[in-house]
Amino acid sequence: MSVADKVLESTKCFDTALPRLMAEGLGGRWVVFRGAEMHGDFATEDEACRSAVAEFGRHGGFAVVQVGPREPTLLSDILHFV
């Protein structure tokens, strides 16, 4: 599976978990998803990205997303982070 496919899968899993995350009071927080698992919630996007890169590497196939109402947007290119 390509990195892009892994990121897409992780993003879809986040979308599925979004109602639960909102109910848990995580609105406004940044979360890291890799596949169906959430790997932490953070106050800032920078903290979430740094944690994800440290845990999975630059090509780890994860998604960093802010918990809240979603509108269609382009995914950021995490491969150029750090």
Protein backbone atom coordinates (compact mmCIF):
# COMPACT_ATOMS: atom_id res chain seq x y z
CA MET A 1 0.00 0.00 0.00
CA SER A 2 1.41 3.42 -0.94
CA VAL A 3 1.89 6.23 1.57
CA ALA A 4 -0.92 8.15 -0.14
CA ASP A 5 -3.25 5.16 0.25
CA LYS A 6 -2.36 4.90 3.94
CA VAL A 7 -3.04 8.61 4.48
CA LEU A 8 -6.40 8.30 2.70
CA GLU A 9 -7.32 5.26 4.81
CA SER A 10 -6.32 7.09 8.00
CA THR A 11 -8.39 10.12 6.99
CA LYS A 12 -11.45 7.95 6.32
CA CYS A 13 -11.04 6.33 9.73
CA PHE A 14 -10.88 9.79 11.31
CA ASP A 15 -14.11 10.75 9.52
CA THR A 16 -15.80 7.66 10.95
CA ALA A 17 -14.53 8.45 14.46
CA LEU A 18 -15.37 12.18 14.31
CA PRO A 19 -18.79 12.00 16.04
CA ARG A 20 -17.26 10.00 18.90
CA LEU A 21 -14.32 12.39 19.21
CA MET A 22 -16.67 15.36 19.37
CA ALA A 23 -18.76 13.60 22.03
CA GLU A 24 -15.57 12.98 24.04
CA GLY A 25 -14.92 16.73 24.12
CA LEU A 26 -11.96 16.76 21.74
CA GLY A 27 -13.35 19.53 19.52
CA GLY A 28 -10.56 21.88 18.45
CA ARG A 29 -7.78 19.42 19.35
CA TRP A 30 -5.41 17.95 16.78
CA VAL A 31 -5.30 14.15 16.49
CA VAL A 32 -3.01 11.68 14.76
CA PHE A 33 -4.63 8.73 13.02
CA ARG A 34 -2.74 5.85 11.48
CA GLY A 35 -5.19 3.43 9.99
CA ALA A 36 -8.10 2.95 12.39
CA GLU A 37 -6.10 3.88 15.51
CA MET A 38 -5.82 7.31 17.07
CA HIS A 39 -2.31 7.99 18.37
CA GLY A 40 -2.83 10.98 20.61
CA ASP A 41 -4.51 14.35 20.78
CA PHE A 42 -2.62 17.63 20.89
CA ALA A 43 -3.22 21.33 21.41
CA THR A 44 -1.48 22.36 18.17
CA GLU A 45 -0.95 21.00 14.68
CA ASP A 46 2.80 21.39 15.14
CA GLU A 47 2.80 19.18 18.26
CA ALA A 48 0.72 16.54 16.46
CA CYS A 49 2.96 16.54 13.38
CA ARG A 50 6.16 16.32 15.40
CA SER A 51 4.77 13.44 17.44
CA ALA A 52 3.61 11.56 14.34
CA VAL A 53 6.93 11.99 12.54
CA ALA A 54 8.83 10.89 15.66
CA GLU A 55 6.65 7.78 16.02
CA PHE A 56 6.12 6.75 12.39
CA GLY A 57 8.77 8.56 10.33
CA ARG A 58 8.30 11.07 7.54
CA HIS A 59 6.66 8.51 5.25
CA GLY A 60 4.55 6.84 7.95
CA GLY A 61 1.19 7.06 6.21
CA PHE A 62 -0.69 8.91 8.96
CA ALA A 63 -3.19 11.77 9.07
CA VAL A 64 -3.01 14.82 11.32
CA VAL A 65 -6.48 16.35 11.56
CA GLN A 66 -8.22 18.95 13.73
CA VAL A 67 -11.35 17.62 15.43
CA GLY A 68 -14.36 19.62 14.32
CA PRO A 69 -16.81 20.13 11.47
CA ARG A 70 -15.22 19.11 8.19
CA GLU A 71 -15.26 20.84 4.85
CA PRO A 72 -13.58 19.39 1.77
CA THR A 73 -9.95 20.56 1.75
CA LEU A 74 -6.70 19.48 0.20
CA LEU A 75 -4.48 17.39 2.46
CA SER A 76 -1.25 19.07 3.50
CA ASP A 77 1.95 17.50 2.26
CA ILE A 78 3.34 16.04 5.48
CA LEU A 79 6.25 14.56 3.54
CA HIS A 80 7.85 18.04 3.50
CA PHE A 81 7.39 18.63 7.23
CA VAL A 82 10.46 18.98 9.50
